[in-house]
């Protein structure tokens, strides 16, 4: 979060990647990574992160955030 607030998106995402590697069976780490990607405008990558979360465990949060990404991309499947 600090790296993101300081404008260092690369470092922020690297931190999330480390978190994912340390706890890959926690769907929320994938959701948080998706949230970071979505905030930076990387909607397609955010969708992938939410899909990864769903492979661990389907959550309402990942479903909701993925829908928001599709809306931002004007691509409603």
PDB file of N, CA and C in Angstrom:
ATOM      1  N   UNK A   1       0.833  -1.191   0.000  1.00  0.00           N
ATOM      2  CA  UNK A   1       0.000   0.000   0.000  1.00  0.00           C
ATOM      3  C   UNK A   1       0.880   1.258   0.000  1.00  0.00           C
ATOM      4  N   UNK A   2       1.931   1.229   0.792  1.00  0.00           N
ATOM      5  CA  UNK A   2       2.811   2.408   0.861  1.00  0.00           C
ATOM      6  C   UNK A   2       3.460   2.697  -0.485  1.00  0.00           C
ATOM      7  N   UNK A   3       3.938   1.648  -1.152  1.00  0.00           N
ATOM      8  CA  UNK A   3       4.573   1.847  -2.457  1.00  0.00           C
ATOM      9  C   UNK A   3       3.578   2.437  -3.449  1.00  0.00           C
ATOM     10  N   UNK A   4       2.352   1.961  -3.418  1.00  0.00           N
ATOM     11  CA  UNK A   4       1.325   2.491  -4.318  1.00  0.00           C
ATOM     12  C   UNK A   4       1.060   3.963  -4.017  1.00  0.00           C
ATOM     13  N   UNK A   5       0.928   4.297  -2.743  1.00  0.00           N
ATOM     14  CA  UNK A   5       0.663   5.688  -2.361  1.00  0.00           C
ATOM     15  C   UNK A   5       1.813   6.611  -2.732  1.00  0.00           C
ATOM     16  N   UNK A   6       3.023   6.053  -2.785  1.00  0.00           N
ATOM     17  CA  UNK A   6       4.187   6.848  -3.192  1.00  0.00           C
ATOM     18  C   UNK A   6       4.341   6.893  -4.711  1.00  0.00           C
ATOM     19  N   UNK A   7       3.449   6.198  -5.428  1.00  0.00           N
ATOM     20  CA  UNK A   7       3.476   6.237  -6.884  1.00  0.00           C
ATOM     21  C   UNK A   7       4.351   5.178  -7.523  1.00  0.00           C
ATOM     22  N   UNK A   8       4.836   4.224  -6.730  1.00  0.00           N
ATOM     23  CA  UNK A   8       5.686   3.169  -7.271  1.00  0.00           C
ATOM     24  C   UNK A   8       4.848   1.907  -7.486  1.00  0.00           C
ATOM     25  N   UNK A   9       4.125   1.874  -8.606  1.00  0.00           N
ATOM     26  CA  UNK A   9       3.228   0.756  -8.890  1.00  0.00           C
ATOM     27  C   UNK A   9       3.970  -0.557  -9.089  1.00  0.00           C
ATOM     28  N   UNK A  10       5.167  -0.491  -9.688  1.00  0.00           N
ATOM     29  CA  UNK A  10       5.957  -1.709  -9.890  1.00  0.00           C
ATOM     30  C   UNK A  10       6.303  -2.360  -8.558  1.00  0.00           C
ATOM     31  N   UNK A  11       6.787  -1.572  -7.631  1.00  0.00           N
ATOM     32  CA  UNK A  11       7.139  -2.097  -6.313  1.00  0.00           C
ATOM     33  C   UNK A  11       5.902  -2.607  -5.588  1.00  0.00           C
ATOM     34  N   UNK A  12       4.805  -1.900  -5.712  1.00  0.00           N
ATOM     35  CA  UNK A  12       3.565  -2.331  -5.068  1.00  0.00           C
ATOM     36  C   UNK A  12       3.142  -3.693  -5.592  1.00  0.00           C
ATOM     37  N   UNK A  13       3.217  -3.892  -6.896  1.00  0.00           N
ATOM     38  CA  UNK A  13       2.813  -5.179  -7.442  1.00  0.00           C
ATOM     39  C   UNK A  13       3.804  -6.272  -7.064  1.00  0.00           C
ATOM     40  N   UNK A  14       5.099  -5.950  -7.019  1.00  0.00           N
ATOM     41  CA  UNK A  14       6.083  -6.940  -6.577  1.00  0.00           C
ATOM     42  C   UNK A  14       5.794  -7.389  -5.146  1.00  0.00           C
ATOM     43  N   UNK A  15       5.399  -6.456  -4.303  1.00  0.00           N
ATOM     44  CA  UNK A  15       5.031  -6.811  -2.928  1.00  0.00           C
ATOM     45  C   UNK A  15       3.843  -7.771  -2.915  1.00  0.00           C
ATOM     46  N   UNK A  16       2.855  -7.517  -3.767  1.00  0.00           N
ATOM     47  CA  UNK A  16       1.701  -8.411  -3.837  1.00  0.00           C
ATOM     48  C   UNK A  16       2.103  -9.780  -4.375  1.00  0.00           C
ATOM     49  N   UNK A  17       3.030  -9.813  -5.329  1.00  0.00           N
ATOM     50  CA  UNK A  17       3.493 -11.095  -5.841  1.00  0.00           C
ATOM     51  C   UNK A  17       4.162 -11.903  -4.732  1.00  0.00           C
ATOM     52  N   UNK A  18       4.946 -11.238  -3.887  1.00  0.00           N
ATOM     53  CA  UNK A  18       5.561 -11.928  -2.750  1.00  0.00           C
ATOM     54  C   UNK A  18       4.502 -12.457  -1.791  1.00  0.00           C
ATOM     55  N   UNK A  19       3.472 -11.662  -1.568  1.00  0.00           N
ATOM     56  CA  UNK A  19       2.386 -12.086  -0.693  1.00  0.00           C
ATOM     57  C   UNK A  19       1.672 -13.307  -1.282  1.00  0.00           C
ATOM     58  N   UNK A  20       1.428 -13.293  -2.581  1.00  0.00           N
ATOM     59  CA  UNK A  20       0.783 -14.424  -3.242  1.00  0.00           C
ATOM     60  C   UNK A  20       1.639 -15.679  -3.100  1.00  0.00           C
ATOM     61  N   UNK A  21       2.944 -15.543  -3.279  1.00  0.00           N
ATOM     62  CA  UNK A  21       3.836 -16.698  -3.149  1.00  0.00           C
ATOM     63  C   UNK A  21       3.869 -17.226  -1.722  1.00  0.00           C
ATOM     64  N   UNK A  22       3.710 -16.341  -0.754  1.00  0.00           N
ATOM     65  CA  UNK A  22       3.755 -16.781   0.644  1.00  0.00           C
ATOM     66  C   UNK A  22       2.445 -17.417   1.090  1.00  0.00           C
ATOM     67  N   UNK A  23       1.326 -17.099   0.428  1.00  0.00           N
ATOM     68  CA  UNK A  23       0.018 -17.620   0.833  1.00  0.00           C
ATOM     69  C   UNK A  23      -0.869 -17.862  -0.392  1.00  0.00           C
ATOM     70  N   UNK A  24      -0.449 -18.762  -1.305  1.00  0.00           N
ATOM     71  CA  UNK A  24      -1.171 -18.928  -2.569  1.00  0.00           C
ATOM     72  C   UNK A  24      -2.580 -19.506  -2.428  1.00  0.00           C
ATOM     73  N   UNK A  25      -2.893 -20.124  -1.314  1.00  0.00           N
ATOM     74  CA  UNK A  25      -4.216 -20.729  -1.127  1.00  0.00           C
ATOM     75  C   UNK A  25      -5.220 -19.767  -0.501  1.00  0.00           C
ATOM     76  N   UNK A  26      -4.824 -18.530  -0.329  1.00  0.00           N
ATOM     77  CA  UNK A  26      -5.713 -17.508   0.216  1.00  0.00           C
ATOM     78  C   UNK A  26      -6.271 -16.697  -0.953  1.00  0.00           C
ATOM     79  N   UNK A  27      -7.566 -16.828  -1.245  1.00  0.00           N
ATOM     80  CA  UNK A  27      -8.112 -16.118  -2.409  1.00  0.00           C
ATOM     81  C   UNK A  27      -8.026 -14.600  -2.270  1.00  0.00           C
ATOM     82  N   UNK A  28      -8.004 -14.103  -1.052  1.00  0.00           N
ATOM     83  CA  UNK A  28      -8.011 -12.657  -0.866  1.00  0.00           C
ATOM     84  C   UNK A  28      -6.718 -11.989  -1.332  1.00  0.00           C
ATOM     85  N   UNK A  29      -5.590 -12.694  -1.279  1.00  0.00           N
ATOM     86  CA  UNK A  29      -4.360 -12.069  -1.773  1.00  0.00           C
ATOM     87  C   UNK A  29      -4.463 -11.820  -3.274  1.00  0.00           C
ATOM     88  N   UNK A  30      -5.147 -12.719  -3.982  1.00  0.00           N
ATOM     89  CA  UNK A  30      -5.353 -12.523  -5.420  1.00  0.00           C
ATOM     90  C   UNK A  30      -6.328 -11.368  -5.662  1.00  0.00           C
ATOM     91  N   UNK A  31      -7.340 -11.271  -4.811  1.00  0.00           N
ATOM     92  CA  UNK A  31      -8.303 -10.166  -4.931  1.00  0.00           C
ATOM     93  C   UNK A  31      -7.593  -8.837  -4.687  1.00  0.00           C
ATOM     94  N   UNK A  32      -6.750  -8.778  -3.666  1.00  0.00           N
ATOM     95  CA  UNK A  32      -6.027  -7.535  -3.375  1.00  0.00           C
ATOM     96  C   UNK A  32      -5.103  -7.158  -4.532  1.00  0.00           C
ATOM     97  N   UNK A  33      -4.437  -8.154  -5.115  1.00  0.00           N
ATOM     98  CA  UNK A  33      -3.585  -7.874  -6.278  1.00  0.00           C
ATOM     99  C   UNK A  33      -4.426  -7.356  -7.433  1.00  0.00           C
ATOM    100  N   UNK A  34      -5.590  -7.950  -7.633  1.00  0.00           N
ATOM    101  CA  UNK A  34      -6.495  -7.477  -8.680  1.00  0.00           C
ATOM    102  C   UNK A  34      -6.949  -6.053  -8.430  1.00  0.00           C
ATOM    103  N   UNK A  35      -7.205  -5.739  -7.164  1.00  0.00           N
ATOM    104  CA  UNK A  35      -7.608  -4.369  -6.819  1.00  0.00           C
ATOM    105  C   UNK A  35      -6.514  -3.371  -7.178  1.00  0.00           C
ATOM    106  N   UNK A  36      -5.276  -3.729  -6.896  1.00  0.00           N
ATOM    107  CA  UNK A  36      -4.160  -2.850  -7.252  1.00  0.00           C
ATOM    108  C   UNK A  36      -4.104  -2.671  -8.765  1.00  0.00           C
ATOM    109  N   UNK A  37      -4.212  -3.774  -9.490  1.00  0.00           N
ATOM    110  CA  UNK A  37      -4.157  -3.685 -10.954  1.00  0.00           C
ATOM    111  C   UNK A  37      -5.307  -2.856 -11.497  1.00  0.00           C
ATOM    112  N   UNK A  38      -6.481  -3.038 -10.936  1.00  0.00           N
ATOM    113  CA  UNK A  38      -7.639  -2.282 -11.398  1.00  0.00           C
ATOM    114  C   UNK A  38      -7.436  -0.787 -11.134  1.00  0.00           C
ATOM    115  N   UNK A  39      -6.870  -0.452  -9.989  1.00  0.00           N
ATOM    116  CA  UNK A  39      -6.664   0.965  -9.662  1.00  0.00           C
ATOM    117  C   UNK A  39      -5.667   1.622 -10.602  1.00  0.00           C
ATOM    118  N   UNK A  40      -4.747   0.828 -11.119  1.00  0.00           N
ATOM    119  CA  UNK A  40      -3.751   1.390 -12.035  1.00  0.00           C
ATOM    120  C   UNK A  40      -4.218   1.352 -13.487  1.00  0.00           C
ATOM    121  N   UNK A  41      -5.440   0.837 -13.723  1.00  0.00           N
ATOM    122  CA  UNK A  41      -5.984   0.820 -15.076  1.00  0.00           C
ATOM    123  C   UNK A  41      -5.673  -0.438 -15.863  1.00  0.00           C
ATOM    124  N   UNK A  42      -5.025  -1.412 -15.232  1.00  0.00           N
ATOM    125  CA  UNK A  42      -4.692  -2.671 -15.909  1.00  0.00           C
ATOM    126  C   UNK A  42      -5.852  -3.650 -15.729  1.00  0.00           C
ATOM    127  N   UNK A  43      -6.978  -3.333 -16.366  1.00  0.00           N
ATOM    128  CA  UNK A  43      -8.211  -4.095 -16.147  1.00  0.00           C
ATOM    129  C   UNK A  43      -8.108  -5.555 -16.594  1.00  0.00           C
ATOM    130  N   UNK A  44      -7.480  -5.810 -17.725  1.00  0.00           N
ATOM    131  CA  UNK A  44      -7.360  -7.193 -18.209  1.00  0.00           C
ATOM    132  C   UNK A  44      -6.536  -8.037 -17.244  1.00  0.00           C
ATOM    133  N   UNK A  45      -5.455  -7.468 -16.726  1.00  0.00           N
ATOM    134  CA  UNK A  45      -4.639  -8.191 -15.752  1.00  0.00           C
ATOM    135  C   UNK A  45      -5.394  -8.363 -14.433  1.00  0.00           C
ATOM    136  N   UNK A  46      -6.183  -7.374 -14.063  1.00  0.00           N
ATOM    137  CA  UNK A  46      -6.991  -7.476 -12.844  1.00  0.00           C
ATOM    138  C   UNK A  46      -7.997  -8.615 -12.976  1.00  0.00           C
ATOM    139  N   UNK A  47      -8.610  -8.752 -14.147  1.00  0.00           N
ATOM    140  CA  UNK A  47      -9.556  -9.836 -14.382  1.00  0.00           C
ATOM    141  C   UNK A  47      -8.870 -11.184 -14.162  1.00  0.00           C
ATOM    142  N   UNK A  48      -7.642 -11.314 -14.654  1.00  0.00           N
ATOM    143  CA  UNK A  48      -6.891 -12.561 -14.463  1.00  0.00           C
ATOM    144  C   UNK A  48      -6.637 -12.828 -12.981  1.00  0.00           C
ATOM    145  N   UNK A  49      -6.320 -11.784 -12.229  1.00  0.00           N
ATOM    146  CA  UNK A  49      -6.088 -11.954 -10.793  1.00  0.00           C
ATOM    147  C   UNK A  49      -7.363 -12.421 -10.091  1.00  0.00           C
ATOM    148  N   UNK A  50      -8.504 -11.853 -10.468  1.00  0.00           N
ATOM    149  CA  UNK A  50      -9.771 -12.270  -9.864  1.00  0.00           C
ATOM    150  C   UNK A  50     -10.116 -13.702 -10.266  1.00  0.00           C
ATOM    151  N   UNK A  51      -9.789 -14.077 -11.498  1.00  0.00           N
ATOM    152  CA  UNK A  51     -10.013 -15.462 -11.916  1.00  0.00           C
ATOM    153  C   UNK A  51      -9.127 -16.409 -11.115  1.00  0.00           C
ATOM    154  N   UNK A  52      -7.892 -15.988 -10.843  1.00  0.00           N
ATOM    155  CA  UNK A  52      -6.998 -16.797 -10.001  1.00  0.00           C
ATOM    156  C   UNK A  52      -7.584 -16.965  -8.608  1.00  0.00           C
ATOM    157  N   UNK A  53      -8.164 -15.911  -8.089  1.00  0.00           N
ATOM    158  CA  UNK A  53      -8.802 -16.000  -6.772  1.00  0.00           C
ATOM    159  C   UNK A  53      -9.909 -17.038  -6.798  1.00  0.00           C
ATOM    160  N   UNK A  54     -10.676 -17.055  -7.879  1.00  0.00           N
ATOM    161  CA  UNK A  54     -11.794 -17.997  -7.983  1.00  0.00           C
ATOM    162  C   UNK A  54     -11.328 -19.439  -8.137  1.00  0.00           C
ATOM    163  N   UNK A  55     -10.117 -19.653  -8.659  1.00  0.00           N
ATOM    164  CA  UNK A  55      -9.623 -21.031  -8.745  1.00  0.00           C
ATOM    165  C   UNK A  55      -9.286 -21.572  -7.360  1.00  0.00           C
ATOM    166  N   UNK A  56      -8.958 -20.674  -6.431  1.00  0.00           N
ATOM    167  CA  UNK A  56      -8.690 -21.078  -5.052  1.00  0.00           C
ATOM    168  C   UNK A  56     -10.009 -21.261  -4.313  1.00  0.00           C
ATOM    169  N   UNK A  57     -10.843 -20.235  -4.375  1.00  0.00           N
ATOM    170  CA  UNK A  57     -12.164 -20.265  -3.740  1.00  0.00           C
ATOM    171  C   UNK A  57     -12.990 -19.114  -4.316  1.00  0.00           C
ATOM    172  N   UNK A  58     -14.169 -19.418  -4.778  1.00  0.00           N
ATOM    173  CA  UNK A  58     -15.037 -18.390  -5.341  1.00  0.00           C
ATOM    174  C   UNK A  58     -15.508 -17.472  -4.219  1.00  0.00           C
ATOM    175  N   UNK A  59     -15.305 -16.171  -4.423  1.00  0.00           N
ATOM    176  CA  UNK A  59     -15.748 -15.190  -3.434  1.00  0.00           C
ATOM    177  C   UNK A  59     -16.608 -14.143  -4.124  1.00  0.00           C
ATOM    178  N   UNK A  60     -17.507 -13.570  -3.358  1.00  0.00           N
ATOM    179  CA  UNK A  60     -18.353 -12.509  -3.909  1.00  0.00           C
ATOM    180  C   UNK A  60     -17.505 -11.308  -4.316  1.00  0.00           C
ATOM    181  N   UNK A  61     -16.457 -11.039  -3.552  1.00  0.00           N
ATOM    182  CA  UNK A  61     -15.590  -9.897  -3.855  1.00  0.00           C
ATOM    183  C   UNK A  61     -14.912 -10.024  -5.199  1.00  0.00           C
ATOM    184  N   UNK A  62     -14.412 -11.211  -5.519  1.00  0.00           N
ATOM    185  CA  UNK A  62     -13.739 -11.383  -6.812  1.00  0.00           C
ATOM    186  C   UNK A  62     -14.739 -11.284  -7.956  1.00  0.00           C
ATOM    187  N   UNK A  63     -15.932 -11.818  -7.745  1.00  0.00           N
ATOM    188  CA  UNK A  63     -16.966 -11.741  -8.776  1.00  0.00           C
ATOM    189  C   UNK A  63     -17.367 -10.284  -9.029  1.00  0.00           C
ATOM    190  N   UNK A  64     -17.574  -9.550  -7.967  1.00  0.00           N
ATOM    191  CA  UNK A  64     -17.980  -8.143  -8.068  1.00  0.00           C
ATOM    192  C   UNK A  64     -16.901  -7.302  -8.747  1.00  0.00           C
ATOM    193  N   UNK A  65     -15.657  -7.469  -8.312  1.00  0.00           N
ATOM    194  CA  UNK A  65     -14.566  -6.669  -8.871  1.00  0.00           C
ATOM    195  C   UNK A  65     -14.326  -7.013 -10.342  1.00  0.00           C
ATOM    196  N   UNK A  66     -14.463  -8.293 -10.674  1.00  0.00           N
ATOM    197  CA  UNK A  66     -14.296  -8.677 -12.079  1.00  0.00           C
ATOM    198  C   UNK A  66     -15.382  -8.017 -12.933  1.00  0.00           C
ATOM    199  N   UNK A  67     -16.611  -7.977 -12.437  1.00  0.00           N
ATOM    200  CA  UNK A  67     -17.696  -7.312 -13.165  1.00  0.00           C
ATOM    201  C   UNK A  67     -17.389  -5.830 -13.367  1.00  0.00           C
ATOM    202  N   UNK A  68     -16.815  -5.199 -12.352  1.00  0.00           N
ATOM    203  CA  UNK A  68     -16.437  -3.784 -12.482  1.00  0.00           C
ATOM    204  C   UNK A  68     -15.392  -3.589 -13.578  1.00  0.00           C
ATOM    205  N   UNK A  69     -14.451  -4.530 -13.683  1.00  0.00           N
ATOM    206  CA  UNK A  69     -13.432  -4.440 -14.734  1.00  0.00           C
ATOM    207  C   UNK A  69     -14.077  -4.557 -16.113  1.00  0.00           C
ATOM    208  N   UNK A  70     -14.985  -5.517 -16.248  1.00  0.00           N
ATOM    209  CA  UNK A  70     -15.663  -5.667 -17.537  1.00  0.00           C
ATOM    210  C   UNK A  70     -16.446  -4.400 -17.891  1.00  0.00           C
ATOM    211  N   UNK A  71     -17.057  -3.793 -16.914  1.00  0.00           N
ATOM    212  CA  UNK A  71     -17.791  -2.524 -17.166  1.00  0.00           C
ATOM    213  C   UNK A  71     -16.823  -1.442 -17.626  1.00  0.00           C
ATOM    214  N   UNK A  72     -15.672  -1.355 -16.964  1.00  0.00           N
ATOM    215  CA  UNK A  72     -14.677  -0.340 -17.343  1.00  0.00           C
ATOM    216  C   UNK A  72     -14.170  -0.561 -18.763  1.00  0.00           C
ATOM    217  N   UNK A  73     -14.101  -1.820 -19.158  1.00  0.00           N
ATOM    218  CA  UNK A  73     -13.645  -2.144 -20.517  1.00  0.00           C
ATOM    219  C   UNK A  73     -14.774  -2.117 -21.537  1.00  0.00           C
ATOM    220  N   UNK A  74     -15.995  -1.810 -21.075  1.00  0.00           N
ATOM    221  CA  UNK A  74     -17.176  -1.851 -21.939  1.00  0.00           C
ATOM    222  C   UNK A  74     -17.308  -3.199 -22.637  1.00  0.00           C
ATOM    223  N   UNK A  75     -17.074  -4.244 -21.850  1.00  0.00           N
ATOM    224  CA  UNK A  75     -17.113  -5.609 -22.371  1.00  0.00           C
ATOM    225  C   UNK A  75     -17.885  -6.461 -21.374  1.00  0.00           C
ATOM    226  N   UNK A  76     -19.190  -6.539 -21.573  1.00  0.00           N
ATOM    227  CA  UNK A  76     -20.015  -7.289 -20.626  1.00  0.00           C
ATOM    228  C   UNK A  76     -20.365  -8.659 -21.204  1.00  0.00           C
ATOM    229  N   UNK A  77     -19.634  -9.694 -20.754  1.00  0.00           N
ATOM    230  CA  UNK A  77     -19.933 -11.043 -21.274  1.00  0.00           C
ATOM    231  C   UNK A  77     -21.243 -11.581 -20.700  1.00  0.00           C
TER     232      UNK A  77
END
